[in-house]
Structures are given as structure tokens and as C-alpha cells.
Amino acid sequence: MTDATGSRPTVTSARVCAIVAFVLAAIAILFFPIIFGPGAIILGIVATAMGDKALGKWAIAAGVVGTILGFVLGYIAVS
């Protein structure tokens, strides 16, 4: 993928934090939502603070949803 100048866009550390936050949110749905969910939320906040505002906010939302969904699925599995 290239930008308007024809060069490849650089991947910033904020973007990496946001992507890792999405991965942690997905993991939180199935395993240890008490650990991976807040980790996703924190990394989403870090990504937002570092400059990737749009993706960071989506990562925060994904972390919250992943945490809640993980708890609900865990409750259903136990009961």
C-alpha cells in the first residue's frame, strides 16, 4: 500500500500498540478476560496518547467489549 507520494507509509509505534490492543481484546474473549481485557484497554489508551487517535479509540472500545464478552462467555461456560 502506498500513499499519495508513492512511498510506503511508515508504521509508527502508536499503530503497533493499537494493533496489539486488538489482539489482546480478541484473546480476552476466550482466555483470562481479567488480564487481557485491561491490557487491551491500556494499550489503546497508550496508542491514543502517542498519536493514533482513531485506531486507539477503536482499540479501547474493543478492549471493553472483549472484557465484557469474555466474562459473559466464562459465566455461561461455568453455569
PDB file of N, CA and C in Angstrom:
ATOM      1  N   MET A   1       0.845  -1.167   0.000  1.00  0.00           N
ATOM      2  CA  MET A   1       0.000   0.000   0.000  1.00  0.00           C
ATOM      3  C   MET A   1       0.895   1.235   0.000  1.00  0.00           C
ATOM      4  N   THR A   2       0.558   2.199  -0.819  1.00  0.00           N
ATOM      5  CA  THR A   2       1.368   3.408  -0.909  1.00  0.00           C
ATOM      6  C   THR A   2       0.509   4.628  -0.624  1.00  0.00           C
ATOM      7  N   ASP A   3       1.181   5.718  -0.275  1.00  0.00           N
ATOM      8  CA  ASP A   3       0.447   6.964  -0.051  1.00  0.00           C
ATOM      9  C   ASP A   3       0.487   7.814  -1.318  1.00  0.00           C
ATOM     10  N   ALA A   4       0.088   9.077  -1.238  1.00  0.00           N
ATOM     11  CA  ALA A   4      -0.026   9.941  -2.413  1.00  0.00           C
ATOM     12  C   ALA A   4       1.319  10.213  -3.080  1.00  0.00           C
ATOM     13  N   THR A   5       2.409  10.161  -2.323  1.00  0.00           N
ATOM     14  CA  THR A   5       3.720  10.435  -2.904  1.00  0.00           C
ATOM     15  C   THR A   5       4.341   9.203  -3.541  1.00  0.00           C
ATOM     16  N   GLY A   6       3.699   8.045  -3.386  1.00  0.00           N
ATOM     17  CA  GLY A   6       4.230   6.835  -3.989  1.00  0.00           C
ATOM     18  C   GLY A   6       5.147   6.048  -3.076  1.00  0.00           C
ATOM     19  N   SER A   7       5.426   6.567  -1.895  1.00  0.00           N
ATOM     20  CA  SER A   7       6.284   5.824  -0.967  1.00  0.00           C
ATOM     21  C   SER A   7       5.418   5.066   0.032  1.00  0.00           C
ATOM     22  N   ARG A   8       5.999   4.077   0.642  1.00  0.00           N
ATOM     23  CA  ARG A   8       5.263   3.281   1.621  1.00  0.00           C
ATOM     24  C   ARG A   8       5.101   4.077   2.909  1.00  0.00           C
ATOM     25  N   PRO A   9       3.910   4.034   3.513  1.00  0.00           N
ATOM     26  CA  PRO A   9       3.718   4.734   4.779  1.00  0.00           C
ATOM     27  C   PRO A   9       4.488   4.030   5.896  1.00  0.00           C
ATOM     28  N   THR A  10       4.949   4.802   6.843  1.00  0.00           N
ATOM     29  CA  THR A  10       5.703   4.215   7.949  1.00  0.00           C
ATOM     30  C   THR A  10       4.741   3.728   9.018  1.00  0.00           C
ATOM     31  N   VAL A  11       5.116   2.638   9.667  1.00  0.00           N
ATOM     32  CA  VAL A  11       4.330   2.102  10.773  1.00  0.00           C
ATOM     33  C   VAL A  11       4.897   2.695  12.049  1.00  0.00           C
ATOM     34  N   THR A  12       4.054   3.403  12.776  1.00  0.00           N
ATOM     35  CA  THR A  12       4.515   4.046  13.992  1.00  0.00           C
ATOM     36  C   THR A  12       4.305   3.122  15.181  1.00  0.00           C
ATOM     37  N   SER A  13       4.951   3.464  16.279  1.00  0.00           N
ATOM     38  CA  SER A  13       4.783   2.667  17.491  1.00  0.00           C
ATOM     39  C   SER A  13       3.365   2.797  18.034  1.00  0.00           C
ATOM     40  N   ALA A  14       2.703   3.909  17.774  1.00  0.00           N
ATOM     41  CA  ALA A  14       1.304   4.064  18.188  1.00  0.00           C
ATOM     42  C   ALA A  14       0.421   3.069  17.448  1.00  0.00           C
ATOM     43  N   ARG A  15       0.690   2.876  16.159  1.00  0.00           N
ATOM     44  CA  ARG A  15      -0.092   1.918  15.372  1.00  0.00           C
ATOM     45  C   ARG A  15       0.149   0.495  15.866  1.00  0.00           C
ATOM     46  N   VAL A  16       1.386   0.187  16.225  1.00  0.00           N
ATOM     47  CA  VAL A  16       1.710  -1.146  16.743  1.00  0.00           C
ATOM     48  C   VAL A  16       0.978  -1.387  18.056  1.00  0.00           C
ATOM     49  N   CYS A  17       0.957  -0.378  18.942  1.00  0.00           N
ATOM     50  CA  CYS A  17       0.238  -0.509  20.211  1.00  0.00           C
ATOM     51  C   CYS A  17      -1.245  -0.763  19.963  1.00  0.00           C
ATOM     52  N   ALA A  18      -1.829  -0.079  19.010  1.00  0.00           N
ATOM     53  CA  ALA A  18      -3.249  -0.254  18.712  1.00  0.00           C
ATOM     54  C   ALA A  18      -3.532  -1.650  18.168  1.00  0.00           C
ATOM     55  N   ILE A  19      -2.668  -2.143  17.305  1.00  0.00           N
ATOM     56  CA  ILE A  19      -2.867  -3.482  16.745  1.00  0.00           C
ATOM     57  C   ILE A  19      -2.717  -4.549  17.819  1.00  0.00           C
ATOM     58  N   VAL A  20      -1.731  -4.401  18.688  1.00  0.00           N
ATOM     59  CA  VAL A  20      -1.558  -5.348  19.791  1.00  0.00           C
ATOM     60  C   VAL A  20      -2.765  -5.287  20.730  1.00  0.00           C
ATOM     61  N   ALA A  21      -3.335  -4.097  20.918  1.00  0.00           N
ATOM     62  CA  ALA A  21      -4.534  -3.960  21.751  1.00  0.00           C
ATOM     63  C   ALA A  21      -5.697  -4.746  21.166  1.00  0.00           C
ATOM     64  N   PHE A  22      -5.854  -4.714  19.833  1.00  0.00           N
ATOM     65  CA  PHE A  22      -6.908  -5.501  19.199  1.00  0.00           C
ATOM     66  C   PHE A  22      -6.681  -6.995  19.396  1.00  0.00           C
ATOM     67  N   VAL A  23      -5.442  -7.427  19.306  1.00  0.00           N
ATOM     68  CA  VAL A  23      -5.126  -8.843  19.505  1.00  0.00           C
ATOM     69  C   VAL A  23      -5.443  -9.248  20.941  1.00  0.00           C
ATOM     70  N   LEU A  24      -5.063  -8.418  21.909  1.00  0.00           N
ATOM     71  CA  LEU A  24      -5.358  -8.722  23.307  1.00  0.00           C
ATOM     72  C   LEU A  24      -6.859  -8.747  23.563  1.00  0.00           C
ATOM     73  N   ALA A  25      -7.600  -7.864  22.913  1.00  0.00           N
ATOM     74  CA  ALA A  25      -9.054  -7.856  23.073  1.00  0.00           C
ATOM     75  C   ALA A  25      -9.668  -9.152  22.548  1.00  0.00           C
ATOM     76  N   ALA A  26      -9.144  -9.647  21.446  1.00  0.00           N
ATOM     77  CA  ALA A  26      -9.642 -10.911  20.899  1.00  0.00           C
ATOM     78  C   ALA A  26      -9.295 -12.081  21.816  1.00  0.00           C
ATOM     79  N   ILE A  27      -8.110 -12.063  22.381  1.00  0.00           N
ATOM     80  CA  ILE A  27      -7.704 -13.118  23.309  1.00  0.00           C
ATOM     81  C   ILE A  27      -8.556 -13.066  24.572  1.00  0.00           C
ATOM     82  N   ALA A  28      -8.922 -11.864  25.014  1.00  0.00           N
ATOM     83  CA  ALA A  28      -9.715 -11.704  26.235  1.00  0.00           C
ATOM     84  C   ALA A  28     -11.085 -12.351  26.118  1.00  0.00           C
ATOM     85  N   ILE A  29     -11.583 -12.508  24.920  1.00  0.00           N
ATOM     86  CA  ILE A  29     -12.892 -13.141  24.744  1.00  0.00           C
ATOM     87  C   ILE A  29     -12.836 -14.597  25.164  1.00  0.00           C
ATOM     88  N   LEU A  30     -11.712 -15.259  24.926  1.00  0.00           N
ATOM     89  CA  LEU A  30     -11.617 -16.694  25.196  1.00  0.00           C
ATOM     90  C   LEU A  30     -10.792 -17.054  26.431  1.00  0.00           C
ATOM     91  N   PHE A  31      -9.780 -16.265  26.757  1.00  0.00           N
ATOM     92  CA  PHE A  31      -8.869 -16.621  27.852  1.00  0.00           C
ATOM     93  C   PHE A  31      -8.639 -15.424  28.767  1.00  0.00           C
ATOM     94  N   PHE A  32      -8.796 -15.616  30.058  1.00  0.00           N
ATOM     95  CA  PHE A  32      -8.436 -14.647  31.098  1.00  0.00           C
ATOM     96  C   PHE A  32      -8.825 -13.206  30.774  1.00  0.00           C
ATOM     97  N   PRO A  33     -10.112 -12.914  30.705  1.00  0.00           N
ATOM     98  CA  PRO A  33     -10.513 -11.536  30.376  1.00  0.00           C
ATOM     99  C   PRO A  33     -10.084 -10.526  31.437  1.00  0.00           C
ATOM    100  N   ILE A  34      -9.856 -10.973  32.656  1.00  0.00           N
ATOM    101  CA  ILE A  34      -9.433 -10.051  33.716  1.00  0.00           C
ATOM    102  C   ILE A  34      -8.009  -9.545  33.485  1.00  0.00           C
ATOM    103  N   ILE A  35      -7.230 -10.272  32.698  1.00  0.00           N
ATOM    104  CA  ILE A  35      -5.845  -9.872  32.415  1.00  0.00           C
ATOM    105  C   ILE A  35      -5.727  -9.222  31.036  1.00  0.00           C
ATOM    106  N   PHE A  36      -6.224  -9.906  30.016  1.00  0.00           N
ATOM    107  CA  PHE A  36      -6.040  -9.435  28.648  1.00  0.00           C
ATOM    108  C   PHE A  36      -6.934  -8.248  28.299  1.00  0.00           C
ATOM    109  N   GLY A  37      -8.118  -8.174  28.883  1.00  0.00           N
ATOM    110  CA  GLY A  37      -9.022  -7.056  28.612  1.00  0.00           C
ATOM    111  C   GLY A  37      -8.451  -5.711  29.040  1.00  0.00           C
ATOM    112  N   PRO A  38      -8.066  -5.586  30.328  1.00  0.00           N
ATOM    113  CA  PRO A  38      -7.450  -4.321  30.736  1.00  0.00           C
ATOM    114  C   PRO A  38      -6.142  -4.023  29.999  1.00  0.00           C
ATOM    115  N   GLY A  39      -5.405  -5.065  29.635  1.00  0.00           N
ATOM    116  CA  GLY A  39      -4.191  -4.847  28.839  1.00  0.00           C
ATOM    117  C   GLY A  39      -4.511  -4.210  27.499  1.00  0.00           C
ATOM    118  N   ALA A  40      -5.599  -4.669  26.879  1.00  0.00           N
ATOM    119  CA  ALA A  40      -6.030  -4.091  25.610  1.00  0.00           C
ATOM    120  C   ALA A  40      -6.471  -2.641  25.800  1.00  0.00           C
ATOM    121  N   ILE A  41      -7.185  -2.383  26.879  1.00  0.00           N
ATOM    122  CA  ILE A  41      -7.653  -1.020  27.148  1.00  0.00           C
ATOM    123  C   ILE A  41      -6.465  -0.085  27.378  1.00  0.00           C
ATOM    124  N   ILE A  42      -5.510  -0.535  28.164  1.00  0.00           N
ATOM    125  CA  ILE A  42      -4.333   0.295  28.458  1.00  0.00           C
ATOM    126  C   ILE A  42      -3.534   0.568  27.188  1.00  0.00           C
ATOM    127  N   LEU A  43      -3.326  -0.456  26.362  1.00  0.00           N
ATOM    128  CA  LEU A  43      -2.592  -0.232  25.113  1.00  0.00           C
ATOM    129  C   LEU A  43      -3.362   0.668  24.154  1.00  0.00           C
ATOM    130  N   GLY A  44      -4.682   0.596  24.177  1.00  0.00           N
ATOM    131  CA  GLY A  44      -5.481   1.510  23.373  1.00  0.00           C
ATOM    132  C   GLY A  44      -5.313   2.950  23.833  1.00  0.00           C
ATOM    133  N   ILE A  45      -5.256   3.142  25.147  1.00  0.00           N
ATOM    134  CA  ILE A  45      -5.025   4.481  25.695  1.00  0.00           C
ATOM    135  C   ILE A  45      -3.635   4.982  25.319  1.00  0.00           C
ATOM    136  N   VAL A  46      -2.649   4.098  25.395  1.00  0.00           N
ATOM    137  CA  VAL A  46      -1.278   4.476  25.022  1.00  0.00           C
ATOM    138  C   VAL A  46      -1.217   4.849  23.544  1.00  0.00           C
ATOM    139  N   ALA A  47      -1.871   4.069  22.692  1.00  0.00           N
ATOM    140  CA  ALA A  47      -1.876   4.369  21.256  1.00  0.00           C
ATOM    141  C   ALA A  47      -2.540   5.715  20.984  1.00  0.00           C
ATOM    142  N   THR A  48      -3.617   5.998  21.706  1.00  0.00           N
ATOM    143  CA  THR A  48      -4.289   7.288  21.536  1.00  0.00           C
ATOM    144  C   THR A  48      -3.388   8.426  21.977  1.00  0.00           C
ATOM    145  N   ALA A  49      -2.722   8.251  23.105  1.00  0.00           N
ATOM    146  CA  ALA A  49      -1.835   9.297  23.625  1.00  0.00           C
ATOM    147  C   ALA A  49      -0.614   9.506  22.729  1.00  0.00           C
ATOM    148  N   MET A  50      -0.176   8.442  22.040  1.00  0.00           N
ATOM    149  CA  MET A  50       1.003   8.554  21.178  1.00  0.00           C
ATOM    150  C   MET A  50       0.679   9.144  19.812  1.00  0.00           C
ATOM    151  N   GLY A  51      -0.610   9.302  19.503  1.00  0.00           N
ATOM    152  CA  GLY A  51      -0.934   9.984  18.265  1.00  0.00           C
ATOM    153  C   GLY A  51      -1.866   9.268  17.322  1.00  0.00           C
ATOM    154  N   ASP A  52      -2.099   7.987  17.490  1.00  0.00           N
ATOM    155  CA  ASP A  52      -3.021   7.276  16.605  1.00  0.00           C
ATOM    156  C   ASP A  52      -4.411   7.308  17.232  1.00  0.00           C
ATOM    157  N   LYS A  53      -5.037   8.474  17.129  1.00  0.00           N
ATOM    158  CA  LYS A  53      -6.273   8.733  17.865  1.00  0.00           C
ATOM    159  C   LYS A  53      -7.432   7.835  17.420  1.00  0.00           C
ATOM    160  N   ALA A  54      -7.646   7.714  16.138  1.00  0.00           N
ATOM    161  CA  ALA A  54      -8.802   6.961  15.653  1.00  0.00           C
ATOM    162  C   ALA A  54      -8.689   5.478  15.994  1.00  0.00           C
ATOM    163  N   LEU A  55      -7.580   4.863  15.632  1.00  0.00           N
ATOM    164  CA  LEU A  55      -7.415   3.438  15.886  1.00  0.00           C
ATOM    165  C   LEU A  55      -7.280   3.156  17.382  1.00  0.00           C
ATOM    166  N   GLY A  56      -6.691   4.083  18.119  1.00  0.00           N
ATOM    167  CA  GLY A  56      -6.575   3.920  19.564  1.00  0.00           C
ATOM    168  C   GLY A  56      -7.926   3.896  20.247  1.00  0.00           C
ATOM    169  N   LYS A  57      -8.833   4.769  19.814  1.00  0.00           N
ATOM    170  CA  LYS A  57     -10.181   4.787  20.398  1.00  0.00           C
ATOM    171  C   LYS A  57     -10.943   3.512  20.068  1.00  0.00           C
ATOM    172  N   TRP A  58     -10.772   3.010  18.850  1.00  0.00           N
ATOM    173  CA  TRP A  58     -11.404   1.741  18.496  1.00  0.00           C
ATOM    174  C   TRP A  58     -10.814   0.590  19.296  1.00  0.00           C
ATOM    175  N   ALA A  59      -9.516   0.652  19.577  1.00  0.00           N
ATOM    176  CA  ALA A  59      -8.871  -0.396  20.368  1.00  0.00           C
ATOM    177  C   ALA A  59      -9.383  -0.373  21.804  1.00  0.00           C
ATOM    178  N   ILE A  60      -9.606   0.815  22.359  1.00  0.00           N
ATOM    179  CA  ILE A  60     -10.169   0.918  23.709  1.00  0.00           C
ATOM    180  C   ILE A  60     -11.557   0.275  23.732  1.00  0.00           C
ATOM    181  N   ALA A  61     -12.374   0.605  22.749  1.00  0.00           N
ATOM    182  CA  ALA A  61     -13.722   0.034  22.671  1.00  0.00           C
ATOM    183  C   ALA A  61     -13.668  -1.485  22.514  1.00  0.00           C
ATOM    184  N   ALA A  62     -12.751  -1.970  21.700  1.00  0.00           N
ATOM    185  CA  ALA A  62     -12.605  -3.416  21.516  1.00  0.00           C
ATOM    186  C   ALA A  62     -12.161  -4.077  22.812  1.00  0.00           C
ATOM    187  N   GLY A  63     -11.302  -3.411  23.577  1.00  0.00           N
ATOM    188  CA  GLY A  63     -10.869  -3.954  24.862  1.00  0.00           C
ATOM    189  C   GLY A  63     -12.011  -4.065  25.851  1.00  0.00           C
ATOM    190  N   VAL A  64     -12.860  -3.047  25.885  1.00  0.00           N
ATOM    191  CA  VAL A  64     -14.018  -3.077  26.790  1.00  0.00           C
ATOM    192  C   VAL A  64     -14.982  -4.185  26.373  1.00  0.00           C
ATOM    193  N   VAL A  65     -15.280  -4.260  25.085  1.00  0.00           N
ATOM    194  CA  VAL A  65     -16.199  -5.290  24.593  1.00  0.00           C
ATOM    195  C   VAL A  65     -15.611  -6.685  24.799  1.00  0.00           C
ATOM    196  N   GLY A  66     -14.316  -6.850  24.533  1.00  0.00           N
ATOM    197  CA  GLY A  66     -13.671  -8.144  24.735  1.00  0.00           C
ATOM    198  C   GLY A  66     -13.697  -8.582  26.188  1.00  0.00           C
ATOM    199  N   THR A  67     -13.505  -7.644  27.097  1.00  0.00           N
ATOM    200  CA  THR A  67     -13.542  -7.962  28.519  1.00  0.00           C
ATOM    201  C   THR A  67     -14.945  -8.403  28.934  1.00  0.00           C
ATOM    202  N   ILE A  68     -15.940  -7.633  28.562  1.00  0.00           N
ATOM    203  CA  ILE A  68     -17.318  -7.964  28.935  1.00  0.00           C
ATOM    204  C   ILE A  68     -17.743  -9.286  28.312  1.00  0.00           C
ATOM    205  N   LEU A  69     -17.438  -9.462  27.038  1.00  0.00           N
ATOM    206  CA  LEU A  69     -17.805 -10.697  26.352  1.00  0.00           C
ATOM    207  C   LEU A  69     -17.090 -11.904  26.963  1.00  0.00           C
ATOM    208  N   GLY A  70     -15.834 -11.723  27.347  1.00  0.00           N
ATOM    209  CA  GLY A  70     -15.098 -12.811  27.992  1.00  0.00           C
ATOM    210  C   GLY A  70     -15.713 -13.208  29.307  1.00  0.00           C
ATOM    211  N   PHE A  71     -16.141 -12.234  30.110  1.00  0.00           N
ATOM    212  CA  PHE A  71     -16.798 -12.552  31.376  1.00  0.00           C
ATOM    213  C   PHE A  71     -18.139 -13.245  31.157  1.00  0.00           C
ATOM    214  N   VAL A  72     -18.905 -12.754  30.178  1.00  0.00           N
ATOM    215  CA  VAL A  72     -20.209 -13.364  29.911  1.00  0.00           C
ATOM    216  C   VAL A  72     -20.033 -14.797  29.419  1.00  0.00           C
ATOM    217  N   LEU A  73     -19.123 -15.021  28.493  1.00  0.00           N
ATOM    218  CA  LEU A  73     -18.895 -16.375  27.999  1.00  0.00           C
ATOM    219  C   LEU A  73     -18.339 -17.293  29.090  1.00  0.00           C
ATOM    220  N   GLY A  74     -17.490 -16.755  29.958  1.00  0.00           N
ATOM    221  CA  GLY A  74     -16.992 -17.536  31.084  1.00  0.00           C
ATOM    222  C   GLY A  74     -18.104 -17.913  32.043  1.00  0.00           C
ATOM    223  N   TYR A  75     -19.013 -16.989  32.299  1.00  0.00           N
ATOM    224  CA  TYR A  75     -20.138 -17.274  33.179  1.00  0.00           C
ATOM    225  C   TYR A  75     -21.038 -18.340  32.573  1.00  0.00           C
ATOM    226  N   ILE A  76     -21.288 -18.225  31.262  1.00  0.00           N
ATOM    227  CA  ILE A  76     -22.129 -19.218  30.594  1.00  0.00           C
ATOM    228  C   ILE A  76     -21.466 -20.594  30.620  1.00  0.00           C
ATOM    229  N   ALA A  77     -20.169 -20.634  30.439  1.00  0.00           N
ATOM    230  CA  ALA A  77     -19.452 -21.909  30.432  1.00  0.00           C
ATOM    231  C   ALA A  77     -19.459 -22.577  31.803  1.00  0.00           C
ATOM    232  N   VAL A  78     -19.398 -21.760  32.852  1.00  0.00           N
ATOM    233  CA  VAL A  78     -19.349 -22.319  34.207  1.00  0.00           C
ATOM    234  C   VAL A  78     -20.744 -22.772  34.660  1.00  0.00           C
ATOM    235  N   SER A  79     -21.782 -22.020  34.280  1.00  0.00           N
ATOM    236  CA  SER A  79     -23.124 -22.383  34.758  1.00  0.00           C
ATOM    237  C   SER A  79     -23.816 -23.401  33.895  1.00  0.00           C
TER     238      SER A  79
END
